[in-house]
Amino acid sequence: HFTWYEAEYDTALKGQKYSQYNVILEKSCILYNIGALLTELASDKVNKDYKASLNCLLNAVACFEYLSENFLNSPSLDLRADNTKFLAELCHAQAQELFLLKLINGPDPIKQASLVSKLSYAAASFYETCHGFFEDEDEEVRDYGDVKWRPLVTCKMFFFKAVTAYYYAVALEQQNKHGESLAFLNLAGDYLGLS
């Protein structure tokens, strides 16, 4: 028998376990643990080795995507397809954010405003996909995970929409399109709730 204990995001799930005589459950649990471990490694390495951290996050994406596509009827809440799909999207969003922040914190992001805007748009889109999991009433993700995830995902979605609008405004300013630039600056303020 193989026994899986639920991740303790929710105190109601504390100590909840599933035990089966099934190698497929064991394989899926090991993949979940590898994905979770990779996210922890990415967190530990983010300040020391950016590329290693990014690589860990992308490998975690692969683990969680594989789980979401191949293990559809798991008894565990952690291993359900919609939850592992959400975790894959979340890791992908974090990887995109890390890549974007490296560029923004680089020597002169203003010179690459158009590229920063596009990369920020991708990050906002990934976080918007994650936000959609919380809003969809058919998905079980609404009640899954740490209670901090939902507000953080929502905040990052709006933040990166604002960053997208700001850097697009900078790119338009560089092209002497001042009116459009001003409109995107106002849009950035709207996303941040400054209006």
N, C-alpha and C. Protein backbone atom coordinates (compact mmCIF):
# COMPACT_ATOMS: atom_id res chain seq x y z
N HIS A 1 0.83 -1.20 0.00
CA HIS A 1 0.00 0.00 0.00
C HIS A 1 0.86 1.25 0.00
N PHE A 2 0.44 2.22 -0.76
CA PHE A 2 1.09 3.52 -0.78
C PHE A 2 0.14 4.53 -0.16
N THR A 3 0.64 5.35 0.74
CA THR A 3 -0.21 6.34 1.44
C THR A 3 0.25 7.74 1.08
N TRP A 4 -0.71 8.58 0.71
CA TRP A 4 -0.46 9.98 0.38
C TRP A 4 -1.18 10.86 1.39
N TYR A 5 -0.44 11.78 1.99
CA TYR A 5 -1.03 12.75 2.91
C TYR A 5 -1.22 14.06 2.16
N GLU A 6 -2.40 14.64 2.29
CA GLU A 6 -2.70 15.91 1.61
C GLU A 6 -1.75 17.01 2.10
N ALA A 7 -1.41 17.92 1.20
CA ALA A 7 -0.63 19.10 1.61
C ALA A 7 -1.48 19.87 2.60
N GLU A 8 -0.87 20.42 3.60
CA GLU A 8 -1.62 21.03 4.69
C GLU A 8 -1.85 22.52 4.47
N TYR A 9 -2.49 22.87 3.34
CA TYR A 9 -2.85 24.25 3.09
C TYR A 9 -4.03 24.65 3.95
N ASP A 10 -4.91 23.71 4.17
CA ASP A 10 -6.15 23.95 4.89
C ASP A 10 -6.15 23.09 6.14
N THR A 11 -6.47 23.67 7.28
CA THR A 11 -6.46 22.89 8.53
C THR A 11 -7.51 21.80 8.51
N ALA A 12 -8.56 21.96 7.69
CA ALA A 12 -9.58 20.92 7.60
C ALA A 12 -9.01 19.66 6.94
N LEU A 13 -7.98 19.82 6.12
CA LEU A 13 -7.38 18.67 5.43
C LEU A 13 -6.22 18.07 6.21
N LYS A 14 -5.88 18.66 7.33
CA LYS A 14 -4.72 18.21 8.09
C LYS A 14 -4.89 16.74 8.48
N GLY A 15 -3.90 15.98 8.12
CA GLY A 15 -3.91 14.57 8.45
C GLY A 15 -4.74 13.71 7.51
N GLN A 16 -5.39 14.31 6.51
CA GLN A 16 -6.18 13.52 5.58
C GLN A 16 -5.23 12.75 4.68
N LYS A 17 -5.52 11.45 4.50
CA LYS A 17 -4.63 10.61 3.72
C LYS A 17 -5.42 9.67 2.83
N TYR A 18 -4.74 9.21 1.80
CA TYR A 18 -5.31 8.25 0.86
C TYR A 18 -4.32 7.10 0.73
N SER A 19 -4.82 5.91 0.83
CA SER A 19 -3.96 4.74 0.75
C SER A 19 -4.53 3.78 -0.28
N GLN A 20 -3.69 3.39 -1.22
CA GLN A 20 -4.10 2.45 -2.26
C GLN A 20 -2.94 1.53 -2.60
N TYR A 21 -3.29 0.38 -3.11
CA TYR A 21 -2.31 -0.54 -3.64
C TYR A 21 -2.24 -0.27 -5.13
N ASN A 22 -1.53 0.83 -5.49
CA ASN A 22 -1.60 1.33 -6.85
C ASN A 22 -0.30 2.07 -7.18
N VAL A 23 0.42 1.57 -8.16
CA VAL A 23 1.69 2.20 -8.54
C VAL A 23 1.45 3.55 -9.24
N ILE A 24 0.30 3.72 -9.86
CA ILE A 24 0.01 4.98 -10.55
C ILE A 24 -0.17 6.11 -9.54
N LEU A 25 -0.83 5.83 -8.43
CA LEU A 25 -0.96 6.83 -7.38
C LEU A 25 0.42 7.20 -6.83
N GLU A 26 1.25 6.20 -6.62
CA GLU A 26 2.60 6.46 -6.11
C GLU A 26 3.39 7.32 -7.09
N LYS A 27 3.30 7.02 -8.38
CA LYS A 27 4.01 7.79 -9.40
C LYS A 27 3.53 9.24 -9.42
N SER A 28 2.21 9.43 -9.37
CA SER A 28 1.68 10.79 -9.42
C SER A 28 2.07 11.58 -8.16
N CYS A 29 2.10 10.92 -7.02
CA CYS A 29 2.49 11.59 -5.78
C CYS A 29 3.97 11.99 -5.81
N ILE A 30 4.79 11.13 -6.36
CA ILE A 30 6.21 11.45 -6.47
C ILE A 30 6.41 12.64 -7.42
N LEU A 31 5.69 12.66 -8.53
CA LEU A 31 5.79 13.80 -9.46
C LEU A 31 5.31 15.09 -8.80
N TYR A 32 4.25 15.01 -8.02
CA TYR A 32 3.76 16.19 -7.31
C TYR A 32 4.83 16.70 -6.34
N ASN A 33 5.43 15.79 -5.61
CA ASN A 33 6.48 16.18 -4.66
C ASN A 33 7.69 16.77 -5.36
N ILE A 34 8.04 16.23 -6.52
CA ILE A 34 9.16 16.79 -7.30
C ILE A 34 8.83 18.21 -7.74
N GLY A 35 7.60 18.41 -8.24
CA GLY A 35 7.17 19.76 -8.64
C GLY A 35 7.20 20.73 -7.48
N ALA A 36 6.70 20.30 -6.33
CA ALA A 36 6.70 21.16 -5.14
C ALA A 36 8.13 21.46 -4.68
N LEU A 37 9.00 20.45 -4.73
CA LEU A 37 10.39 20.64 -4.34
C LEU A 37 11.09 21.61 -5.30
N LEU A 38 10.78 21.52 -6.58
CA LEU A 38 11.38 22.44 -7.55
C LEU A 38 10.96 23.89 -7.29
N THR A 39 9.72 24.09 -6.87
CA THR A 39 9.30 25.46 -6.55
C THR A 39 10.03 25.98 -5.32
N GLU A 40 10.27 25.11 -4.35
CA GLU A 40 11.04 25.50 -3.17
C GLU A 40 12.48 25.84 -3.54
N LEU A 41 13.08 25.03 -4.42
CA LEU A 41 14.44 25.31 -4.88
C LEU A 41 14.50 26.65 -5.63
N ALA A 42 13.49 26.90 -6.45
CA ALA A 42 13.43 28.17 -7.18
C ALA A 42 13.37 29.34 -6.21
N SER A 43 12.60 29.19 -5.16
CA SER A 43 12.49 30.24 -4.15
C SER A 43 13.82 30.47 -3.44
N ASP A 44 14.52 29.39 -3.13
CA ASP A 44 15.80 29.50 -2.44
C ASP A 44 16.89 30.13 -3.31
N LYS A 45 16.83 29.87 -4.63
CA LYS A 45 17.90 30.31 -5.52
C LYS A 45 17.63 31.65 -6.19
N VAL A 46 16.43 32.21 -5.99
CA VAL A 46 16.03 33.38 -6.77
C VAL A 46 16.99 34.56 -6.62
N ASN A 47 17.56 34.77 -5.47
CA ASN A 47 18.47 35.90 -5.29
C ASN A 47 19.91 35.57 -5.64
N LYS A 48 20.27 34.30 -5.63
CA LYS A 48 21.66 33.91 -5.88
C LYS A 48 21.92 33.55 -7.34
N ASP A 49 21.03 32.76 -7.91
CA ASP A 49 21.23 32.26 -9.27
C ASP A 49 19.91 32.31 -10.03
N TYR A 50 19.71 33.41 -10.73
CA TYR A 50 18.45 33.65 -11.45
C TYR A 50 18.14 32.55 -12.45
N LYS A 51 19.14 32.14 -13.23
CA LYS A 51 18.90 31.13 -14.27
C LYS A 51 18.52 29.79 -13.68
N ALA A 52 19.15 29.40 -12.59
CA ALA A 52 18.80 28.13 -11.94
C ALA A 52 17.39 28.19 -11.38
N SER A 53 17.02 29.33 -10.82
CA SER A 53 15.67 29.50 -10.29
C SER A 53 14.63 29.40 -11.40
N LEU A 54 14.90 30.06 -12.51
CA LEU A 54 14.00 30.01 -13.66
C LEU A 54 13.88 28.59 -14.19
N ASN A 55 14.99 27.89 -14.26
CA ASN A 55 14.99 26.50 -14.73
C ASN A 55 14.17 25.61 -13.80
N CYS A 56 14.30 25.81 -12.50
CA CYS A 56 13.50 25.02 -11.54
C CYS A 56 12.01 25.26 -11.74
N LEU A 57 11.63 26.52 -11.93
CA LEU A 57 10.21 26.82 -12.13
C LEU A 57 9.67 26.19 -13.42
N LEU A 58 10.46 26.23 -14.47
CA LEU A 58 10.01 25.64 -15.74
C LEU A 58 9.90 24.12 -15.64
N ASN A 59 10.78 23.49 -14.88
CA ASN A 59 10.68 22.05 -14.65
C ASN A 59 9.46 21.72 -13.80
N ALA A 60 9.14 22.58 -12.84
CA ALA A 60 7.93 22.39 -12.03
C ALA A 60 6.69 22.50 -12.91
N VAL A 61 6.70 23.43 -13.86
CA VAL A 61 5.59 23.55 -14.81
C VAL A 61 5.39 22.22 -15.53
N ALA A 62 6.48 21.63 -15.99
CA ALA A 62 6.40 20.36 -16.72
C ALA A 62 5.82 19.25 -15.84
N CYS A 63 6.24 19.18 -14.58
CA CYS A 63 5.72 18.16 -13.66
C CYS A 63 4.21 18.31 -13.47
N PHE A 64 3.78 19.53 -13.17
CA PHE A 64 2.36 19.75 -12.90
C PHE A 64 1.50 19.61 -14.15
N GLU A 65 2.03 20.02 -15.32
CA GLU A 65 1.27 19.83 -16.56
C GLU A 65 1.12 18.35 -16.88
N TYR A 66 2.18 17.59 -16.68
CA TYR A 66 2.11 16.14 -16.92
C TYR A 66 1.06 15.51 -16.01
N LEU A 67 1.04 15.92 -14.76
CA LEU A 67 0.04 15.39 -13.83
C LEU A 67 -1.38 15.76 -14.28
N SER A 68 -1.57 17.00 -14.71
CA SER A 68 -2.91 17.46 -15.09
C SER A 68 -3.43 16.76 -16.34
N GLU A 69 -2.52 16.31 -17.19
CA GLU A 69 -2.93 15.67 -18.43
C GLU A 69 -3.03 14.15 -18.32
N ASN A 70 -2.37 13.55 -17.33
CA ASN A 70 -2.28 12.09 -17.30
C ASN A 70 -2.90 11.42 -16.09
N PHE A 71 -3.18 12.16 -15.04
CA PHE A 71 -3.76 11.56 -13.84
C PHE A 71 -5.07 12.27 -13.54
N LEU A 72 -6.15 11.80 -14.16
CA LEU A 72 -7.39 12.55 -14.15
C LEU A 72 -8.33 12.20 -13.00
N ASN A 73 -8.24 11.00 -12.45
CA ASN A 73 -9.21 10.57 -11.45
C ASN A 73 -8.55 10.26 -10.12
N SER A 74 -7.80 11.18 -9.61
CA SER A 74 -7.10 10.96 -8.35
C SER A 74 -8.05 11.16 -7.18
N PRO A 75 -7.91 10.34 -6.14
CA PRO A 75 -8.74 10.56 -4.95
C PRO A 75 -8.29 11.78 -4.15
N SER A 76 -7.06 12.21 -4.35
CA SER A 76 -6.48 13.31 -3.58
C SER A 76 -6.85 14.65 -4.18
N LEU A 77 -7.14 15.62 -3.33
CA LEU A 77 -7.40 16.98 -3.78
C LEU A 77 -6.15 17.59 -4.42
N ASP A 78 -4.97 17.28 -3.87
CA ASP A 78 -3.71 17.80 -4.41
C ASP A 78 -3.47 17.35 -5.84
N LEU A 79 -3.88 16.15 -6.16
CA LEU A 79 -3.53 15.55 -7.44
C LEU A 79 -4.63 15.63 -8.49
N ARG A 80 -5.72 16.31 -8.19
CA ARG A 80 -6.79 16.44 -9.18
C ARG A 80 -6.31 17.26 -10.36
N ALA A 81 -6.82 16.93 -11.52
CA ALA A 81 -6.33 17.53 -12.77
C ALA A 81 -6.45 19.05 -12.78
N ASP A 82 -7.58 19.59 -12.31
CA ASP A 82 -7.73 21.05 -12.35
C ASP A 82 -6.79 21.74 -11.36
N ASN A 83 -6.49 21.10 -10.24
CA ASN A 83 -5.57 21.70 -9.28
C ASN A 83 -4.13 21.66 -9.78
N THR A 84 -3.73 20.56 -10.39
CA THR A 84 -2.36 20.49 -10.92
C THR A 84 -2.22 21.40 -12.14
N LYS A 85 -3.28 21.57 -12.92
CA LYS A 85 -3.24 22.51 -14.04
C LYS A 85 -3.06 23.94 -13.52
N PHE A 86 -3.79 24.27 -12.43
CA PHE A 86 -3.62 25.58 -11.81
C PHE A 86 -2.19 25.78 -11.33
N LEU A 87 -1.61 24.76 -10.68
CA LEU A 87 -0.24 24.88 -10.18
C LEU A 87 0.74 25.06 -11.34
N ALA A 88 0.49 24.38 -12.46
CA ALA A 88 1.35 24.55 -13.64
C ALA A 88 1.27 25.99 -14.14
N GLU A 89 0.05 26.52 -14.23
CA GLU A 89 -0.13 27.91 -14.70
C GLU A 89 0.52 28.90 -13.73
N LEU A 90 0.39 28.63 -12.44
CA LEU A 90 0.98 29.51 -11.44
C LEU A 90 2.51 29.52 -11.54
N CYS A 91 3.10 28.35 -11.70
CA CYS A 91 4.56 28.27 -11.86
C CYS A 91 5.00 28.96 -13.14
N HIS A 92 4.21 28.82 -14.20
CA HIS A 92 4.53 29.47 -15.47
C HIS A 92 4.47 30.99 -15.31
N ALA A 93 3.46 31.47 -14.60
CA ALA A 93 3.34 32.91 -14.35
C ALA A 93 4.54 33.42 -13.55
N GLN A 94 4.96 32.65 -12.55
CA GLN A 94 6.09 33.07 -11.74
C GLN A 94 7.39 33.05 -12.54
N ALA A 95 7.53 32.08 -13.43
CA ALA A 95 8.72 32.04 -14.29
C ALA A 95 8.75 33.26 -15.22
N GLN A 96 7.59 33.60 -15.79
CA GLN A 96 7.51 34.77 -16.66
C GLN A 96 7.81 36.04 -15.88
N GLU A 97 7.29 36.12 -14.66
CA GLU A 97 7.55 37.28 -13.79
C GLU A 97 9.04 37.40 -13.49
N LEU A 98 9.68 36.29 -13.20
CA LEU A 98 11.11 36.31 -12.88
C LEU A 98 11.92 36.79 -14.08
N PHE A 99 11.58 36.30 -15.27
CA PHE A 99 12.26 36.71 -16.50
C PHE A 99 12.06 38.21 -16.74
N LEU A 100 10.84 38.68 -16.53
CA LEU A 100 10.53 40.09 -16.72
C LEU A 100 11.28 40.97 -15.72
N LEU A 101 11.29 40.56 -14.46
CA LEU A 101 11.97 41.36 -13.44
C LEU A 101 13.47 41.46 -13.67
N LYS A 102 14.05 40.41 -14.23
CA LYS A 102 15.47 40.46 -14.58
C LYS A 102 15.72 41.56 -15.62
N LEU A 103 14.81 41.67 -16.57
CA LEU A 103 14.94 42.70 -17.61
C LEU A 103 14.68 44.10 -17.03
N ILE A 104 13.66 44.23 -16.20
CA ILE A 104 13.33 45.54 -15.61
C ILE A 104 14.46 46.03 -14.70
N ASN A 105 15.06 45.10 -13.97
CA ASN A 105 16.15 45.47 -13.06
C ASN A 105 17.50 45.56 -13.76
N GLY A 106 17.49 45.40 -15.09
CA GLY A 106 18.71 45.47 -15.87
C GLY A 106 19.20 46.91 -16.03
N PRO A 107 20.19 47.11 -16.89
CA PRO A 107 20.84 48.42 -17.02
C PRO A 107 19.90 49.55 -17.44
N ASP A 108 19.06 49.35 -18.46
CA ASP A 108 18.20 50.45 -18.91
C ASP A 108 16.93 49.88 -19.54
N PRO A 109 15.91 49.61 -18.73
CA PRO A 109 14.68 49.02 -19.28
C PRO A 109 13.91 50.00 -20.16
N ILE A 110 14.14 51.29 -20.00
CA ILE A 110 13.42 52.28 -20.80
C ILE A 110 13.78 52.13 -22.29
N LYS A 111 15.03 51.78 -22.57
CA LYS A 111 15.43 51.57 -23.97
C LYS A 111 14.72 50.37 -24.59
N GLN A 112 14.30 49.43 -23.75
CA GLN A 112 13.61 48.22 -24.23
C GLN A 112 12.15 48.23 -23.80
N ALA A 113 11.55 49.40 -23.79
CA ALA A 113 10.18 49.56 -23.28
C ALA A 113 9.18 48.67 -24.01
N SER A 114 9.31 48.56 -25.30
CA SER A 114 8.37 47.74 -26.07
C SER A 114 8.48 46.27 -25.67
N LEU A 115 9.70 45.77 -25.53
CA LEU A 115 9.91 44.38 -25.12
C LEU A 115 9.41 44.15 -23.69
N VAL A 116 9.69 45.09 -22.80
CA VAL A 116 9.23 44.96 -21.41
C VAL A 116 7.71 44.93 -21.38
N SER A 117 7.07 45.76 -22.20
CA SER A 117 5.61 45.79 -22.27
C SER A 117 5.06 44.44 -22.72
N LYS A 118 5.67 43.84 -23.73
CA LYS A 118 5.20 42.55 -24.23
C LYS A 118 5.39 41.44 -23.20
N LEU A 119 6.54 41.42 -22.55
CA LEU A 119 6.80 40.40 -21.53
C LEU A 119 5.88 40.59 -20.32
N SER A 120 5.61 41.83 -19.98
CA SER A 120 4.71 42.11 -18.87
C SER A 120 3.28 41.70 -19.22
N TYR A 121 2.91 41.90 -20.46
CA TYR A 121 1.59 41.47 -20.91
C TYR A 121 1.45 39.95 -20.78
N ALA A 122 2.51 39.23 -21.12
CA ALA A 122 2.47 37.77 -20.98
C ALA A 122 2.33 37.38 -19.51
N ALA A 123 3.06 38.04 -18.62
CA ALA A 123 2.95 37.75 -17.18
C ALA A 123 1.53 38.04 -16.69
N ALA A 124 0.98 39.17 -17.11
CA ALA A 124 -0.39 39.52 -16.71
C ALA A 124 -1.38 38.49 -17.22
N SER A 125 -1.17 38.01 -18.44
CA SER A 125 -2.06 36.99 -19.01
C SER A 125 -1.99 35.68 -18.24
N PHE A 126 -0.78 35.27 -17.85
CA PHE A 126 -0.65 34.05 -17.05
C PHE A 126 -1.35 34.19 -15.70
N TYR A 127 -1.15 35.33 -15.06
CA TYR A 127 -1.83 35.54 -13.77
C TYR A 127 -3.34 35.67 -13.95
N GLU A 128 -3.77 36.20 -15.07
CA GLU A 128 -5.21 36.28 -15.34
C GLU A 128 -5.80 34.89 -15.53
N THR A 129 -5.05 33.99 -16.16
CA THR A 129 -5.49 32.60 -16.29
C THR A 129 -5.62 31.96 -14.91
N CYS A 130 -4.64 32.20 -14.04
CA CYS A 130 -4.71 31.68 -12.66
C CYS A 130 -5.91 32.27 -11.93
N HIS A 131 -6.14 33.56 -12.11
CA HIS A 131 -7.28 34.23 -11.49
C HIS A 131 -8.59 33.60 -11.97
N GLY A 132 -8.63 33.21 -13.23
CA GLY A 132 -9.82 32.57 -13.79
C GLY A 132 -10.16 31.25 -13.11
N PHE A 133 -9.15 30.53 -12.66
CA PHE A 133 -9.40 29.29 -11.93
C PHE A 133 -10.17 29.57 -10.64
N PHE A 134 -9.85 30.68 -9.98
CA PHE A 134 -10.54 31.03 -8.73
C PHE A 134 -11.97 31.50 -8.99
N GLU A 135 -12.21 32.07 -10.15
CA GLU A 135 -13.52 32.62 -10.46
C GLU A 135 -14.47 31.57 -11.03
N ASP A 136 -13.95 30.50 -11.60
CA ASP A 136 -14.77 29.48 -12.25
C ASP A 136 -15.45 28.61 -11.20
N GLU A 137 -16.77 28.59 -11.22
CA GLU A 137 -17.51 27.85 -10.21
C GLU A 137 -17.41 26.34 -10.41
N ASP A 138 -17.08 25.89 -11.62
CA ASP A 138 -16.96 24.46 -11.88
C ASP A 138 -15.62 23.90 -11.40
N GLU A 139 -14.64 24.74 -11.25
CA GLU A 139 -13.31 24.30 -10.83
C GLU A 139 -13.25 24.16 -9.31
N GLU A 140 -12.48 23.21 -8.85
CA GLU A 140 -12.32 23.01 -7.41
C GLU A 140 -11.14 23.83 -6.86
N VAL A 141 -10.49 24.57 -7.73
CA VAL A 141 -9.34 25.36 -7.32
C VAL A 141 -9.75 26.47 -6.36
N ARG A 142 -11.01 26.92 -6.47
CA ARG A 142 -11.48 28.02 -5.60
C ARG A 142 -11.18 27.75 -4.13
N ASP A 143 -11.27 26.50 -3.72
CA ASP A 143 -11.08 26.15 -2.32
C ASP A 143 -9.74 25.46 -2.07
N TYR A 144 -8.86 25.48 -3.04
CA TYR A 144 -7.59 24.77 -2.94
C TYR A 144 -6.45 25.73 -2.63
N GLY A 145 -5.48 25.25 -1.91
CA GLY A 145 -4.25 26.00 -1.70
C GLY A 145 -4.29 26.92 -0.49
N ASP A 146 -3.24 27.69 -0.37
CA ASP A 146 -3.07 28.64 0.72
C ASP A 146 -4.04 29.80 0.54
N VAL A 147 -4.57 30.32 1.63
CA VAL A 147 -5.53 31.42 1.55
C VAL A 147 -4.91 32.68 0.95
N LYS A 148 -3.59 32.81 1.00
CA LYS A 148 -2.91 34.00 0.46
C LYS A 148 -2.82 33.97 -1.07
N TRP A 149 -3.00 32.80 -1.67
CA TRP A 149 -2.80 32.70 -3.12
C TRP A 149 -3.76 33.58 -3.91
N ARG A 150 -5.03 33.54 -3.57
CA ARG A 150 -6.03 34.26 -4.36
C ARG A 150 -5.76 35.77 -4.39
N PRO A 151 -5.58 36.44 -3.24
CA PRO A 151 -5.31 37.88 -3.33
C PRO A 151 -3.98 38.21 -3.99
N LEU A 152 -2.96 37.35 -3.81
CA LEU A 152 -1.68 37.59 -4.46
C LEU A 152 -1.79 37.48 -5.98
N VAL A 153 -2.49 36.47 -6.45
CA VAL A 153 -2.67 36.29 -7.89
C VAL A 153 -3.43 37.48 -8.47
N THR A 154 -4.48 37.91 -7.79
CA THR A 154 -5.27 39.04 -8.27
C THR A 154 -4.43 40.32 -8.29
N CYS A 155 -3.68 40.55 -7.22
CA CYS A 155 -2.82 41.73 -7.14
C CYS A 155 -1.77 41.72 -8.26
N LYS A 156 -1.13 40.58 -8.46
CA LYS A 156 -0.10 40.51 -9.51
C LYS A 156 -0.70 40.66 -10.90
N MET A 157 -1.91 40.16 -11.10
CA MET A 157 -2.57 40.32 -12.39
C MET A 157 -2.73 41.81 -12.72
N PHE A 158 -3.28 42.58 -11.76
CA PHE A 158 -3.48 44.01 -11.99
C PHE A 158 -2.15 44.78 -12.04
N PHE A 159 -1.20 44.37 -11.22
CA PHE A 159 0.11 45.03 -11.23
C PHE A 159 0.78 44.90 -12.59
N PHE A 160 0.81 43.67 -13.13
CA PHE A 160 1.48 43.49 -14.42
C PHE A 160 0.69 44.07 -15.58
N LYS A 161 -0.63 44.21 -15.43
CA LYS A 161 -1.39 44.96 -16.44
C LYS A 161 -0.96 46.43 -16.40
N ALA A 162 -0.75 46.96 -15.19
CA ALA A 162 -0.30 48.34 -15.06
C ALA A 162 1.11 48.52 -15.62
N VAL A 163 2.00 47.56 -15.35
CA VAL A 163 3.37 47.63 -15.88
C VAL A 163 3.33 47.58 -17.41
N THR A 164 2.45 46.74 -17.95
CA THR A 164 2.29 46.64 -19.41
C THR A 164 1.89 47.99 -19.98
N ALA A 165 0.86 48.59 -19.39
CA ALA A 165 0.37 49.88 -19.89
C ALA A 165 1.44 50.97 -19.75
N TYR A 166 2.16 50.98 -18.63
CA TYR A 166 3.19 52.00 -18.41
C TYR A 166 4.31 51.90 -19.45
N TYR A 167 4.84 50.70 -19.63
CA TYR A 167 5.95 50.57 -20.58
C TYR A 167 5.49 50.74 -22.03
N TYR A 168 4.23 50.41 -22.30
CA TYR A 168 3.71 50.68 -23.64
C TYR A 168 3.60 52.19 -23.85
N ALA A 169 3.21 52.90 -22.79
CA ALA A 169 3.16 54.36 -22.86
C ALA A 169 4.55 54.94 -23.10
N VAL A 170 5.55 54.37 -22.46
CA VAL A 170 6.93 54.82 -22.67
C VAL A 170 7.36 54.57 -24.12
N ALA A 171 6.99 53.39 -24.64
CA ALA A 171 7.33 53.08 -26.04
C ALA A 171 6.64 54.04 -27.00
N LEU A 172 5.39 54.38 -26.71
CA LEU A 172 4.67 55.35 -27.55
C LEU A 172 5.29 56.74 -27.45
N GLU A 173 5.74 57.10 -26.26
CA GLU A 173 6.41 58.39 -26.05
C GLU A 173 7.69 58.46 -26.89
N GLN A 174 8.40 57.36 -26.97
CA GLN A 174 9.62 57.31 -27.78
C GLN A 174 9.32 57.47 -29.26
N GLN A 175 8.09 57.15 -29.67
CA GLN A 175 7.67 57.30 -31.07
C GLN A 175 6.95 58.64 -31.30
N ASN A 176 7.01 59.51 -30.29
CA ASN A 176 6.37 60.83 -30.35
C ASN A 176 4.85 60.75 -30.51
N LYS A 177 4.23 59.73 -29.95
CA LYS A 177 2.78 59.59 -29.94
C LYS A 177 2.30 59.95 -28.54
N HIS A 178 2.31 61.23 -28.24
CA HIS A 178 2.10 61.71 -26.89
C HIS A 178 0.67 61.50 -26.39
N GLY A 179 -0.31 61.67 -27.24
CA GLY A 179 -1.71 61.50 -26.83
C GLY A 179 -2.00 60.05 -26.43
N GLU A 180 -1.57 59.13 -27.28
CA GLU A 180 -1.78 57.71 -26.97
C GLU A 180 -0.98 57.32 -25.72
N SER A 181 0.20 57.87 -25.60
CA SER A 181 1.03 57.60 -24.44
C SER A 181 0.33 58.02 -23.16
N LEU A 182 -0.27 59.19 -23.17
CA LEU A 182 -0.99 59.69 -22.01
C LEU A 182 -2.18 58.78 -21.66
N ALA A 183 -2.86 58.29 -22.70
CA ALA A 183 -4.00 57.39 -22.46
C ALA A 183 -3.54 56.10 -21.77
N PHE A 184 -2.40 55.57 -22.18
CA PHE A 184 -1.90 54.34 -21.55
C PHE A 184 -1.36 54.60 -20.14
N LEU A 185 -0.84 55.79 -19.90
CA LEU A 185 -0.44 56.14 -18.53
C LEU A 185 -1.66 56.20 -17.61
N ASN A 186 -2.77 56.76 -18.14
CA ASN A 186 -4.01 56.77 -17.36
C ASN A 186 -4.52 55.36 -17.11
N LEU A 187 -4.40 54.51 -18.11
CA LEU A 187 -4.81 53.11 -17.96
C LEU A 187 -3.97 52.41 -16.89
N ALA A 188 -2.67 52.68 -16.87
CA ALA A 188 -1.81 52.11 -15.84
C ALA A 188 -2.27 52.56 -14.45
N GLY A 189 -2.62 53.83 -14.33
CA GLY A 189 -3.13 54.33 -13.06
C GLY A 189 -4.44 53.67 -12.66
N ASP A 190 -5.30 53.43 -13.66
CA ASP A 190 -6.56 52.75 -13.38
C ASP A 190 -6.35 51.34 -12.84
N TYR A 191 -5.40 50.61 -13.43
CA TYR A 191 -5.11 49.25 -12.96
C TYR A 191 -4.59 49.25 -11.53
N LEU A 192 -3.88 50.31 -11.18
CA LEU A 192 -3.33 50.40 -9.83
C LEU A 192 -4.31 51.05 -8.85
N GLY A 193 -5.45 51.49 -9.36
CA GLY A 193 -6.45 52.11 -8.51
C GLY A 193 -6.09 53.52 -8.09
N LEU A 194 -5.30 54.21 -8.93
CA LEU A 194 -4.86 55.55 -8.59
C LEU A 194 -5.83 56.62 -9.08
N SER A 195 -6.80 56.23 -9.88
CA SER A 195 -7.73 57.23 -10.43
C SER A 195 -8.90 57.46 -9.53
